[in-house]
Amino acid sequence: MTNKNHLDKRIFELHATVCKTLSHPKRLEIIDVLRDEKEMGVTELAKKLNITKANVSQHLSLMRQQNMVKTRRDGVAILYSLANPKILIAYDALRKTLKEQLKADGKLLEKF
């Protein structure tokens, strides 16, 4: 196997892992919230998403392992933010595609 083929295979594996990480609706909501808020702690995110702090922590832990979010300590608080704003490009492209599909199918209200 050539280096290019090996690299391609590795990229496909990483791509699949990232997609798997993003396959939960709450993780997508976390991305959406962090887009607007820039940085948030677990307690704030839990309130915003209407889920437990333990649940938010689990999602953030997975996302951190995949370098989707990063942390910053502020005193005793740990604040989370998006690790790379380019994740929003992929997020927005997919959302736009899905909205277009739903609209074409007549299933999306015109307010979007």
PDB file of N, CA and C in Angstrom:
ATOM      1  N   MET A   1       0.842  -1.178   0.000  1.00  0.00           N
ATOM      2  CA  MET A   1       0.000   0.000   0.000  1.00  0.00           C
ATOM      3  C   MET A   1       0.889   1.244   0.000  1.00  0.00           C
ATOM      4  N   THR A   2       0.573   2.201  -0.845  1.00  0.00           N
ATOM      5  CA  THR A   2       1.371   3.421  -0.921  1.00  0.00           C
ATOM      6  C   THR A   2       1.061   4.317   0.272  1.00  0.00           C
ATOM      7  N   ASN A   3       1.933   5.270   0.485  1.00  0.00           N
ATOM      8  CA  ASN A   3       1.711   6.231   1.572  1.00  0.00           C
ATOM      9  C   ASN A   3       0.413   7.000   1.389  1.00  0.00           C
ATOM     10  N   LYS A   4       0.092   7.340   0.119  1.00  0.00           N
ATOM     11  CA  LYS A   4      -1.139   8.085  -0.160  1.00  0.00           C
ATOM     12  C   LYS A   4      -2.352   7.242   0.225  1.00  0.00           C
ATOM     13  N   ASN A   5      -2.363   5.972  -0.166  1.00  0.00           N
ATOM     14  CA  ASN A   5      -3.482   5.095   0.181  1.00  0.00           C
ATOM     15  C   ASN A   5      -3.607   4.935   1.689  1.00  0.00           C
ATOM     16  N   HIS A   6      -2.473   4.793   2.353  1.00  0.00           N
ATOM     17  CA  HIS A   6      -2.480   4.656   3.810  1.00  0.00           C
ATOM     18  C   HIS A   6      -3.031   5.928   4.457  1.00  0.00           C
ATOM     19  N   LEU A   7      -2.590   7.080   3.949  1.00  0.00           N
ATOM     20  CA  LEU A   7      -3.076   8.354   4.466  1.00  0.00           C
ATOM     21  C   LEU A   7      -4.570   8.508   4.211  1.00  0.00           C
ATOM     22  N   ASP A   8      -5.026   8.162   3.012  1.00  0.00           N
ATOM     23  CA  ASP A   8      -6.454   8.234   2.685  1.00  0.00           C
ATOM     24  C   ASP A   8      -7.273   7.377   3.640  1.00  0.00           C
ATOM     25  N   LYS A   9      -6.814   6.159   3.878  1.00  0.00           N
ATOM     26  CA  LYS A   9      -7.534   5.265   4.786  1.00  0.00           C
ATOM     27  C   LYS A   9      -7.605   5.857   6.185  1.00  0.00           C
ATOM     28  N   ARG A  10      -6.518   6.438   6.634  1.00  0.00           N
ATOM     29  CA  ARG A  10      -6.501   7.045   7.972  1.00  0.00           C
ATOM     30  C   ARG A  10      -7.462   8.232   8.048  1.00  0.00           C
ATOM     31  N   ILE A  11      -7.485   9.040   6.997  1.00  0.00           N
ATOM     32  CA  ILE A  11      -8.407  10.182   6.953  1.00  0.00           C
ATOM     33  C   ILE A  11      -9.855   9.688   6.978  1.00  0.00           C
ATOM     34  N   PHE A  12     -10.173   8.624   6.218  1.00  0.00           N
ATOM     35  CA  PHE A  12     -11.531   8.073   6.243  1.00  0.00           C
ATOM     36  C   PHE A  12     -11.898   7.597   7.649  1.00  0.00           C
ATOM     37  N   GLU A  13     -10.961   6.959   8.324  1.00  0.00           N
ATOM     38  CA  GLU A  13     -11.215   6.484   9.689  1.00  0.00           C
ATOM     39  C   GLU A  13     -11.484   7.655  10.636  1.00  0.00           C
ATOM     40  N   LEU A  14     -10.658   8.689  10.542  1.00  0.00           N
ATOM     41  CA  LEU A  14     -10.850   9.863  11.393  1.00  0.00           C
ATOM     42  C   LEU A  14     -12.163  10.570  11.078  1.00  0.00           C
ATOM     43  N   HIS A  15     -12.478  10.673   9.798  1.00  0.00           N
ATOM     44  CA  HIS A  15     -13.723  11.298   9.358  1.00  0.00           C
ATOM     45  C   HIS A  15     -14.918  10.556   9.961  1.00  0.00           C
ATOM     46  N   ALA A  16     -14.882   9.239   9.882  1.00  0.00           N
ATOM     47  CA  ALA A  16     -15.960   8.418  10.434  1.00  0.00           C
ATOM     48  C   ALA A  16     -16.085   8.601  11.944  1.00  0.00           C
ATOM     49  N   THR A  17     -14.955   8.704  12.628  1.00  0.00           N
ATOM     50  CA  THR A  17     -14.973   8.900  14.074  1.00  0.00           C
ATOM     51  C   THR A  17     -15.593  10.243  14.432  1.00  0.00           C
ATOM     52  N   VAL A  18     -15.244  11.278  13.701  1.00  0.00           N
ATOM     53  CA  VAL A  18     -15.829  12.598  13.943  1.00  0.00           C
ATOM     54  C   VAL A  18     -17.332  12.559  13.683  1.00  0.00           C
ATOM     55  N   CYS A  19     -17.733  11.945  12.591  1.00  0.00           N
ATOM     56  CA  CYS A  19     -19.167  11.842  12.276  1.00  0.00           C
ATOM     57  C   CYS A  19     -19.908  11.061  13.366  1.00  0.00           C
ATOM     58  N   LYS A  20     -19.293  10.025  13.870  1.00  0.00           N
ATOM     59  CA  LYS A  20     -19.896   9.242  14.953  1.00  0.00           C
ATOM     60  C   LYS A  20     -20.068  10.109  16.197  1.00  0.00           C
ATOM     61  N   THR A  21     -19.060  10.904  16.491  1.00  0.00           N
ATOM     62  CA  THR A  21     -19.138  11.799  17.646  1.00  0.00           C
ATOM     63  C   THR A  21     -20.264  12.810  17.475  1.00  0.00           C
ATOM     64  N   LEU A  22     -20.478  13.266  16.265  1.00  0.00           N
ATOM     65  CA  LEU A  22     -21.526  14.252  15.995  1.00  0.00           C
ATOM     66  C   LEU A  22     -22.908  13.629  15.787  1.00  0.00           C
ATOM     67  N   SER A  23     -23.011  12.324  15.949  1.00  0.00           N
ATOM     68  CA  SER A  23     -24.274  11.648  15.634  1.00  0.00           C
ATOM     69  C   SER A  23     -25.324  11.746  16.737  1.00  0.00           C
ATOM     70  N   HIS A  24     -25.067  12.525  17.767  1.00  0.00           N
ATOM     71  CA  HIS A  24     -26.047  12.697  18.841  1.00  0.00           C
ATOM     72  C   HIS A  24     -26.603  14.124  18.789  1.00  0.00           C
ATOM     73  N   PRO A  25     -27.936  14.272  18.835  1.00  0.00           N
ATOM     74  CA  PRO A  25     -28.536  15.609  18.739  1.00  0.00           C
ATOM     75  C   PRO A  25     -28.044  16.589  19.806  1.00  0.00           C
ATOM     76  N   LYS A  26     -27.801  16.135  21.009  1.00  0.00           N
ATOM     77  CA  LYS A  26     -27.346  17.047  22.070  1.00  0.00           C
ATOM     78  C   LYS A  26     -25.946  17.573  21.777  1.00  0.00           C
ATOM     79  N   ARG A  27     -25.107  16.774  21.151  1.00  0.00           N
ATOM     80  CA  ARG A  27     -23.766  17.245  20.808  1.00  0.00           C
ATOM     81  C   ARG A  27     -23.844  18.319  19.721  1.00  0.00           C
ATOM     82  N   LEU A  28     -24.793  18.144  18.816  1.00  0.00           N
ATOM     83  CA  LEU A  28     -25.006  19.176  17.801  1.00  0.00           C
ATOM     84  C   LEU A  28     -25.539  20.455  18.452  1.00  0.00           C
ATOM     85  N   GLU A  29     -26.408  20.301  19.445  1.00  0.00           N
ATOM     86  CA  GLU A  29     -26.902  21.472  20.178  1.00  0.00           C
ATOM     87  C   GLU A  29     -25.761  22.170  20.906  1.00  0.00           C
ATOM     88  N   ILE A  30     -24.852  21.395  21.471  1.00  0.00           N
ATOM     89  CA  ILE A  30     -23.702  21.989  22.160  1.00  0.00           C
ATOM     90  C   ILE A  30     -22.908  22.852  21.189  1.00  0.00           C
ATOM     91  N   ILE A  31     -22.680  22.353  19.994  1.00  0.00           N
ATOM     92  CA  ILE A  31     -21.964  23.139  18.979  1.00  0.00           C
ATOM     93  C   ILE A  31     -22.720  24.418  18.691  1.00  0.00           C
ATOM     94  N   ASP A  32     -24.029  24.313  18.549  1.00  0.00           N
ATOM     95  CA  ASP A  32     -24.851  25.474  18.246  1.00  0.00           C
ATOM     96  C   ASP A  32     -24.805  26.506  19.373  1.00  0.00           C
ATOM     97  N   VAL A  33     -24.875  26.054  20.611  1.00  0.00           N
ATOM     98  CA  VAL A  33     -24.823  26.964  21.758  1.00  0.00           C
ATOM     99  C   VAL A  33     -23.451  27.621  21.861  1.00  0.00           C
ATOM    100  N   LEU A  34     -22.398  26.834  21.703  1.00  0.00           N
ATOM    101  CA  LEU A  34     -21.050  27.391  21.814  1.00  0.00           C
ATOM    102  C   LEU A  34     -20.727  28.355  20.683  1.00  0.00           C
ATOM    103  N   ARG A  35     -21.399  28.216  19.575  1.00  0.00           N
ATOM    104  CA  ARG A  35     -21.237  29.160  18.468  1.00  0.00           C
ATOM    105  C   ARG A  35     -21.607  30.562  18.947  1.00  0.00           C
ATOM    106  N   ASP A  36     -22.744  30.648  19.621  1.00  0.00           N
ATOM    107  CA  ASP A  36     -23.259  31.948  20.057  1.00  0.00           C
ATOM    108  C   ASP A  36     -22.624  32.441  21.349  1.00  0.00           C
ATOM    109  N   GLU A  37     -22.421  31.523  22.273  1.00  0.00           N
ATOM    110  CA  GLU A  37     -21.945  31.911  23.606  1.00  0.00           C
ATOM    111  C   GLU A  37     -20.433  31.957  23.711  1.00  0.00           C
ATOM    112  N   LYS A  38     -19.735  31.363  22.773  1.00  0.00           N
ATOM    113  CA  LYS A  38     -18.269  31.305  22.717  1.00  0.00           C
ATOM    114  C   LYS A  38     -17.674  30.414  23.805  1.00  0.00           C
ATOM    115  N   GLU A  39     -18.008  30.654  25.080  1.00  0.00           N
ATOM    116  CA  GLU A  39     -17.499  29.838  26.184  1.00  0.00           C
ATOM    117  C   GLU A  39     -18.609  29.633  27.202  1.00  0.00           C
ATOM    118  N   MET A  40     -18.691  28.428  27.736  1.00  0.00           N
ATOM    119  CA  MET A  40     -19.684  28.143  28.768  1.00  0.00           C
ATOM    120  C   MET A  40     -19.187  27.039  29.675  1.00  0.00           C
ATOM    121  N   GLY A  41     -19.660  27.080  30.909  1.00  0.00           N
ATOM    122  CA  GLY A  41     -19.391  26.013  31.843  1.00  0.00           C
ATOM    123  C   GLY A  41     -20.462  24.929  31.737  1.00  0.00           C
ATOM    124  N   VAL A  42     -20.219  23.823  32.396  1.00  0.00           N
ATOM    125  CA  VAL A  42     -21.138  22.687  32.354  1.00  0.00           C
ATOM    126  C   VAL A  42     -22.514  23.069  32.898  1.00  0.00           C
ATOM    127  N   THR A  43     -22.554  23.796  33.998  1.00  0.00           N
ATOM    128  CA  THR A  43     -23.830  24.174  34.614  1.00  0.00           C
ATOM    129  C   THR A  43     -24.669  25.012  33.658  1.00  0.00           C
ATOM    130  N   GLU A  44     -24.037  26.004  33.015  1.00  0.00           N
ATOM    131  CA  GLU A  44     -24.754  26.853  32.062  1.00  0.00           C
ATOM    132  C   GLU A  44     -25.258  26.044  30.867  1.00  0.00           C
ATOM    133  N   LEU A  45     -24.399  25.184  30.353  1.00  0.00           N
ATOM    134  CA  LEU A  45     -24.799  24.346  29.214  1.00  0.00           C
ATOM    135  C   LEU A  45     -25.956  23.428  29.590  1.00  0.00           C
ATOM    136  N   ALA A  46     -25.899  22.847  30.776  1.00  0.00           N
ATOM    137  CA  ALA A  46     -26.965  21.943  31.229  1.00  0.00           C
ATOM    138  C   ALA A  46     -28.302  22.684  31.279  1.00  0.00           C
ATOM    139  N   LYS A  47     -28.299  23.899  31.795  1.00  0.00           N
ATOM    140  CA  LYS A  47     -29.536  24.693  31.855  1.00  0.00           C
ATOM    141  C   LYS A  47     -30.035  25.028  30.462  1.00  0.00           C
ATOM    142  N   LYS A  48     -29.124  25.449  29.614  1.00  0.00           N
ATOM    143  CA  LYS A  48     -29.482  25.848  28.248  1.00  0.00           C
ATOM    144  C   LYS A  48     -30.053  24.665  27.447  1.00  0.00           C
ATOM    145  N   LEU A  49     -29.482  23.473  27.660  1.00  0.00           N
ATOM    146  CA  LEU A  49     -29.889  22.288  26.909  1.00  0.00           C
ATOM    147  C   LEU A  49     -30.987  21.479  27.609  1.00  0.00           C
ATOM    148  N   ASN A  50     -31.287  21.867  28.855  1.00  0.00           N
ATOM    149  CA  ASN A  50     -32.311  21.188  29.641  1.00  0.00           C
ATOM    150  C   ASN A  50     -31.986  19.708  29.868  1.00  0.00           C
ATOM    151  N   ILE A  51     -30.720  19.449  30.220  1.00  0.00           N
ATOM    152  CA  ILE A  51     -30.277  18.103  30.576  1.00  0.00           C
ATOM    153  C   ILE A  51     -29.399  18.204  31.828  1.00  0.00           C
ATOM    154  N   THR A  52     -29.078  17.082  32.422  1.00  0.00           N
ATOM    155  CA  THR A  52     -28.286  17.090  33.655  1.00  0.00           C
ATOM    156  C   THR A  52     -26.834  17.478  33.377  1.00  0.00           C
ATOM    157  N   LYS A  53     -26.184  17.966  34.424  1.00  0.00           N
ATOM    158  CA  LYS A  53     -24.766  18.306  34.306  1.00  0.00           C
ATOM    159  C   LYS A  53     -23.942  17.062  33.975  1.00  0.00           C
ATOM    160  N   ALA A  54     -24.315  15.928  34.558  1.00  0.00           N
ATOM    161  CA  ALA A  54     -23.585  14.684  34.279  1.00  0.00           C
ATOM    162  C   ALA A  54     -23.680  14.328  32.800  1.00  0.00           C
ATOM    163  N   ASN A  55     -24.857  14.510  32.231  1.00  0.00           N
ATOM    164  CA  ASN A  55     -25.060  14.203  30.818  1.00  0.00           C
ATOM    165  C   ASN A  55     -24.254  15.146  29.931  1.00  0.00           C
ATOM    166  N   VAL A  56     -24.271  16.428  30.260  1.00  0.00           N
ATOM    167  CA  VAL A  56     -23.476  17.401  29.504  1.00  0.00           C
ATOM    168  C   VAL A  56     -21.997  17.044  29.587  1.00  0.00           C
ATOM    169  N   SER A  57     -21.548  16.694  30.788  1.00  0.00           N
ATOM    170  CA  SER A  57     -20.136  16.337  30.980  1.00  0.00           C
ATOM    171  C   SER A  57     -19.734  15.151  30.126  1.00  0.00           C
ATOM    172  N   GLN A  58     -20.621  14.161  30.015  1.00  0.00           N
ATOM    173  CA  GLN A  58     -20.332  12.995  29.178  1.00  0.00           C
ATOM    174  C   GLN A  58     -20.164  13.401  27.719  1.00  0.00           C
ATOM    175  N   HIS A  59     -21.088  14.229  27.247  1.00  0.00           N
ATOM    176  CA  HIS A  59     -21.013  14.679  25.855  1.00  0.00           C
ATOM    177  C   HIS A  59     -19.745  15.499  25.619  1.00  0.00           C
ATOM    178  N   LEU A  60     -19.447  16.411  26.530  1.00  0.00           N
ATOM    179  CA  LEU A  60     -18.263  17.251  26.381  1.00  0.00           C
ATOM    180  C   LEU A  60     -16.976  16.428  26.425  1.00  0.00           C
ATOM    181  N   SER A  61     -16.965  15.406  27.244  1.00  0.00           N
ATOM    182  CA  SER A  61     -15.796  14.540  27.332  1.00  0.00           C
ATOM    183  C   SER A  61     -15.522  13.857  25.996  1.00  0.00           C
ATOM    184  N   LEU A  62     -16.566  13.324  25.392  1.00  0.00           N
ATOM    185  CA  LEU A  62     -16.423  12.697  24.069  1.00  0.00           C
ATOM    186  C   LEU A  62     -15.953  13.711  23.030  1.00  0.00           C
ATOM    187  N   MET A  63     -16.552  14.882  23.072  1.00  0.00           N
ATOM    188  CA  MET A  63     -16.201  15.917  22.102  1.00  0.00           C
ATOM    189  C   MET A  63     -14.774  16.419  22.312  1.00  0.00           C
ATOM    190  N   ARG A  64     -14.351  16.445  23.546  1.00  0.00           N
ATOM    191  CA  ARG A  64     -12.986  16.874  23.846  1.00  0.00           C
ATOM    192  C   ARG A  64     -11.974  15.840  23.347  1.00  0.00           C
ATOM    193  N   GLN A  65     -12.298  14.550  23.495  1.00  0.00           N
ATOM    194  CA  GLN A  65     -11.417  13.491  22.998  1.00  0.00           C
ATOM    195  C   GLN A  65     -11.192  13.614  21.498  1.00  0.00           C
ATOM    196  N   GLN A  66     -12.186  14.123  20.791  1.00  0.00           N
ATOM    197  CA  GLN A  66     -12.080  14.286  19.338  1.00  0.00           C
ATOM    198  C   GLN A  66     -11.637  15.696  18.942  1.00  0.00           C
ATOM    199  N   ASN A  67     -11.184  16.472  19.917  1.00  0.00           N
ATOM    200  CA  ASN A  67     -10.706  17.842  19.683  1.00  0.00           C
ATOM    201  C   ASN A  67     -11.754  18.756  19.062  1.00  0.00           C
ATOM    202  N   MET A  68     -13.006  18.540  19.413  1.00  0.00           N
ATOM    203  CA  MET A  68     -14.072  19.421  18.939  1.00  0.00           C
ATOM    204  C   MET A  68     -14.287  20.590  19.882  1.00  0.00           C
ATOM    205  N   VAL A  69     -14.035  20.344  21.161  1.00  0.00           N
ATOM    206  CA  VAL A  69     -14.111  21.412  22.155  1.00  0.00           C
ATOM    207  C   VAL A  69     -12.789  21.452  22.922  1.00  0.00           C
ATOM    208  N   LYS A  70     -12.522  22.594  23.493  1.00  0.00           N
ATOM    209  CA  LYS A  70     -11.345  22.762  24.337  1.00  0.00           C
ATOM    210  C   LYS A  70     -11.794  23.397  25.648  1.00  0.00           C
ATOM    211  N   THR A  71     -10.927  23.367  26.628  1.00  0.00           N
ATOM    212  CA  THR A  71     -11.264  23.916  27.934  1.00  0.00           C
ATOM    213  C   THR A  71     -10.302  25.032  28.312  1.00  0.00           C
ATOM    214  N   ARG A  72     -10.812  25.872  29.209  1.00  0.00           N
ATOM    215  CA  ARG A  72     -10.006  26.936  29.788  1.00  0.00           C
ATOM    216  C   ARG A  72     -10.436  27.071  31.236  1.00  0.00           C
ATOM    217  N   ARG A  73      -9.477  27.068  32.126  1.00  0.00           N
ATOM    218  CA  ARG A  73      -9.787  27.220  33.547  1.00  0.00           C
ATOM    219  C   ARG A  73      -9.887  28.707  33.877  1.00  0.00           C
ATOM    220  N   ASP A  74     -10.961  29.060  34.599  1.00  0.00           N
ATOM    221  CA  ASP A  74     -11.151  30.425  35.080  1.00  0.00           C
ATOM    222  C   ASP A  74     -11.442  30.326  36.570  1.00  0.00           C
ATOM    223  N   GLY A  75     -10.407  30.395  37.379  1.00  0.00           N
ATOM    224  CA  GLY A  75     -10.562  30.144  38.809  1.00  0.00           C
ATOM    225  C   GLY A  75     -10.893  28.681  39.022  1.00  0.00           C
ATOM    226  N   VAL A  76     -12.040  28.418  39.647  1.00  0.00           N
ATOM    227  CA  VAL A  76     -12.458  27.029  39.853  1.00  0.00           C
ATOM    228  C   VAL A  76     -13.310  26.515  38.696  1.00  0.00           C
ATOM    229  N   ALA A  77     -13.755  27.427  37.851  1.00  0.00           N
ATOM    230  CA  ALA A  77     -14.633  27.039  36.736  1.00  0.00           C
ATOM    231  C   ALA A  77     -13.822  26.540  35.547  1.00  0.00           C
ATOM    232  N   ILE A  78     -14.390  25.562  34.844  1.00  0.00           N
ATOM    233  CA  ILE A  78     -13.822  25.086  33.586  1.00  0.00           C
ATOM    234  C   ILE A  78     -14.795  25.491  32.484  1.00  0.00           C
ATOM    235  N   LEU A  79     -14.299  26.271  31.558  1.00  0.00           N
ATOM    236  CA  LEU A  79     -15.126  26.774  30.466  1.00  0.00           C
ATOM    237  C   LEU A  79     -14.809  26.020  29.184  1.00  0.00           C
ATOM    238  N   TYR A  80     -15.855  25.715  28.440  1.00  0.00           N
ATOM    239  CA  TYR A  80     -15.714  24.979  27.182  1.00  0.00           C
ATOM    240  C   TYR A  80     -15.981  25.917  26.009  1.00  0.00           C
ATOM    241  N   SER A  81     -15.244  25.698  24.946  1.00  0.00           N
ATOM    242  CA  SER A  81     -15.449  26.437  23.701  1.00  0.00           C
ATOM    243  C   SER A  81     -15.116  25.513  22.536  1.00  0.00           C
ATOM    244  N   LEU A  82     -15.492  25.932  21.349  1.00  0.00           N
ATOM    245  CA  LEU A  82     -15.164  25.141  20.162  1.00  0.00           C
ATOM    246  C   LEU A  82     -13.650  25.186  19.937  1.00  0.00           C
ATOM    247  N   ALA A  83     -13.072  24.047  19.678  1.00  0.00           N
ATOM    248  CA  ALA A  83     -11.619  23.960  19.491  1.00  0.00           C
ATOM    249  C   ALA A  83     -11.180  24.564  18.167  1.00  0.00           C
ATOM    250  N   ASN A  84     -12.044  24.471  17.172  1.00  0.00           N
ATOM    251  CA  ASN A  84     -11.702  24.973  15.851  1.00  0.00           C
ATOM    252  C   ASN A  84     -12.972  25.506  15.199  1.00  0.00           C
ATOM    253  N   PRO A  85     -13.022  26.784  14.866  1.00  0.00           N
ATOM    254  CA  PRO A  85     -14.239  27.346  14.270  1.00  0.00           C
ATOM    255  C   PRO A  85     -14.611  26.720  12.921  1.00  0.00           C
ATOM    256  N   LYS A  86     -13.678  25.996  12.300  1.00  0.00           N
ATOM    257  CA  LYS A  86     -13.984  25.357  11.013  1.00  0.00           C
ATOM    258  C   LYS A  86     -15.057  24.279  11.154  1.00  0.00           C
ATOM    259  N   ILE A  87     -15.249  23.768  12.385  1.00  0.00           N
ATOM    260  CA  ILE A  87     -16.316  22.780  12.599  1.00  0.00           C
ATOM    261  C   ILE A  87     -17.667  23.386  12.229  1.00  0.00           C
ATOM    262  N   LEU A  88     -17.790  24.708  12.389  1.00  0.00           N
ATOM    263  CA  LEU A  88     -19.046  25.390  12.056  1.00  0.00           C
ATOM    264  C   LEU A  88     -19.319  25.390  10.559  1.00  0.00           C
ATOM    265  N   ILE A  89     -18.281  25.352   9.752  1.00  0.00           N
ATOM    266  CA  ILE A  89     -18.467  25.314   8.299  1.00  0.00           C
ATOM    267  C   ILE A  89     -19.170  24.010   7.917  1.00  0.00           C
ATOM    268  N   ALA A  90     -18.667  22.901   8.447  1.00  0.00           N
ATOM    269  CA  ALA A  90     -19.290  21.603   8.166  1.00  0.00           C
ATOM    270  C   ALA A  90     -20.695  21.539   8.762  1.00  0.00           C
ATOM    271  N   TYR A  91     -20.831  22.007   9.989  1.00  0.00           N
ATOM    272  CA  TYR A  91     -22.130  22.015  10.683  1.00  0.00           C
ATOM    273  C   TYR A  91     -23.154  22.810   9.868  1.00  0.00           C
ATOM    274  N   ASP A  92     -22.783  24.023   9.461  1.00  0.00           N
ATOM    275  CA  ASP A  92     -23.701  24.888   8.711  1.00  0.00           C
ATOM    276  C   ASP A  92     -24.045  24.315   7.340  1.00  0.00           C
ATOM    277  N   ALA A  93     -23.065  23.730   6.671  1.00  0.00           N
ATOM    278  CA  ALA A  93     -23.307  23.159   5.341  1.00  0.00           C
ATOM    279  C   ALA A  93     -24.320  22.019   5.429  1.00  0.00           C
ATOM    280  N   LEU A  94     -24.166  21.166   6.409  1.00  0.00           N
ATOM    281  CA  LEU A  94     -25.087  20.047   6.552  1.00  0.00           C
ATOM    282  C   LEU A  94     -26.483  20.533   6.938  1.00  0.00           C
ATOM    283  N   ARG A  95     -26.568  21.484   7.873  1.00  0.00           N
ATOM    284  CA  ARG A  95     -27.880  22.026   8.270  1.00  0.00           C
ATOM    285  C   ARG A  95     -28.585  22.678   7.075  1.00  0.00           C
ATOM    286  N   LYS A  96     -27.829  23.436   6.286  1.00  0.00           N
ATOM    287  CA  LYS A  96     -28.417  24.095   5.118  1.00  0.00           C
ATOM    288  C   LYS A  96     -28.947  23.052   4.136  1.00  0.00           C
ATOM    289  N   THR A  97     -28.179  22.005   3.904  1.00  0.00           N
ATOM    290  CA  THR A  97     -28.595  20.925   3.003  1.00  0.00           C
ATOM    291  C   THR A  97     -29.871  20.258   3.515  1.00  0.00           C
ATOM    292  N   LEU A  98     -29.921  19.972   4.814  1.00  0.00           N
ATOM    293  CA  LEU A  98     -31.100  19.320   5.392  1.00  0.00           C
ATOM    294  C   LEU A  98     -32.330  20.217   5.306  1.00  0.00           C
ATOM    295  N   LYS A  99     -32.164  21.505   5.572  1.00  0.00           N
ATOM    296  CA  LYS A  99     -33.295  22.440   5.471  1.00  0.00           C
ATOM    297  C   LYS A  99     -33.801  22.515   4.032  1.00  0.00           C
ATOM    298  N   GLU A 100     -32.875  22.535   3.071  1.00  0.00           N
ATOM    299  CA  GLU A 100     -33.263  22.574   1.656  1.00  0.00           C
ATOM    300  C   GLU A 100     -34.037  21.314   1.275  1.00  0.00           C
ATOM    301  N   GLN A 101     -33.585  20.168   1.774  1.00  0.00           N
ATOM    302  CA  GLN A 101     -34.280  18.914   1.476  1.00  0.00           C
ATOM    303  C   GLN A 101     -35.693  18.916   2.063  1.00  0.00           C
ATOM    304  N   LEU A 102     -35.798  19.352   3.316  1.00  0.00           N
ATOM    305  CA  LEU A 102     -37.111  19.392   3.960  1.00  0.00           C
ATOM    306  C   LEU A 102     -38.034  20.378   3.255  1.00  0.00           C
ATOM    307  N   LYS A 103     -37.488  21.514   2.878  1.00  0.00           N
ATOM    308  CA  LYS A 103     -38.285  22.528   2.181  1.00  0.00           C
ATOM    309  C   LYS A 103     -38.773  21.985   0.837  1.00  0.00           C
ATOM    310  N   ALA A 104     -37.884  21.310   0.124  1.00  0.00           N
ATOM    311  CA  ALA A 104     -38.254  20.728  -1.169  1.00  0.00           C
ATOM    312  C   ALA A 104     -39.341  19.681  -0.997  1.00  0.00           C
ATOM    313  N   ASP A 105     -39.316  18.990   0.112  1.00  0.00           N
ATOM    314  CA  ASP A 105     -40.329  17.979   0.386  1.00  0.00           C
ATOM    315  C   ASP A 105     -41.602  18.594   0.967  1.00  0.00           C
ATOM    316  N   GLY A 106     -41.604  19.925   1.147  1.00  0.00           N
ATOM    317  CA  GLY A 106     -42.776  20.594   1.700  1.00  0.00           C
ATOM    318  C   GLY A 106     -42.990  20.324   3.174  1.00  0.00           C
ATOM    319  N   LYS A 107     -41.942  19.912   3.867  1.00  0.00           N
ATOM    320  CA  LYS A 107     -42.083  19.549   5.269  1.00  0.00           C
ATOM    321  C   LYS A 107     -41.531  20.592   6.230  1.00  0.00           C
ATOM    322  N   LEU A 108     -40.984  21.666   5.691  1.00  0.00           N
ATOM    323  CA  LEU A 108     -40.391  22.675   6.551  1.00  0.00           C
ATOM    324  C   LEU A 108     -41.198  23.953   6.415  1.00  0.00           C
ATOM    325  N   LEU A 109     -41.532  24.546   7.513  1.00  0.00           N
ATOM    326  CA  LEU A 109     -42.273  25.801   7.480  1.00  0.00           C
ATOM    327  C   LEU A 109     -41.439  26.884   6.817  1.00  0.00           C
ATOM    328  N   GLU A 110     -42.097  27.799   6.182  1.00  0.00           N
ATOM    329  CA  GLU A 110     -41.404  28.844   5.442  1.00  0.00           C
ATOM    330  C   GLU A 110     -40.603  29.789   6.341  1.00  0.00           C
ATOM    331  N   LYS A 111     -40.807  29.745   7.654  1.00  0.00           N
ATOM    332  CA  LYS A 111     -40.077  30.663   8.549  1.00  0.00           C
ATOM    333  C   LYS A 111     -38.584  30.411   8.545  1.00  0.00           C
ATOM    334  N   PHE A 112     -38.147  29.241   8.115  1.00  0.00           N
ATOM    335  CA  PHE A 112     -36.724  28.966   8.033  1.00  0.00           C
ATOM    336  C   PHE A 112     -36.214  29.493   6.731  1.00  0.00           C
TER     337      PHE A 112
END
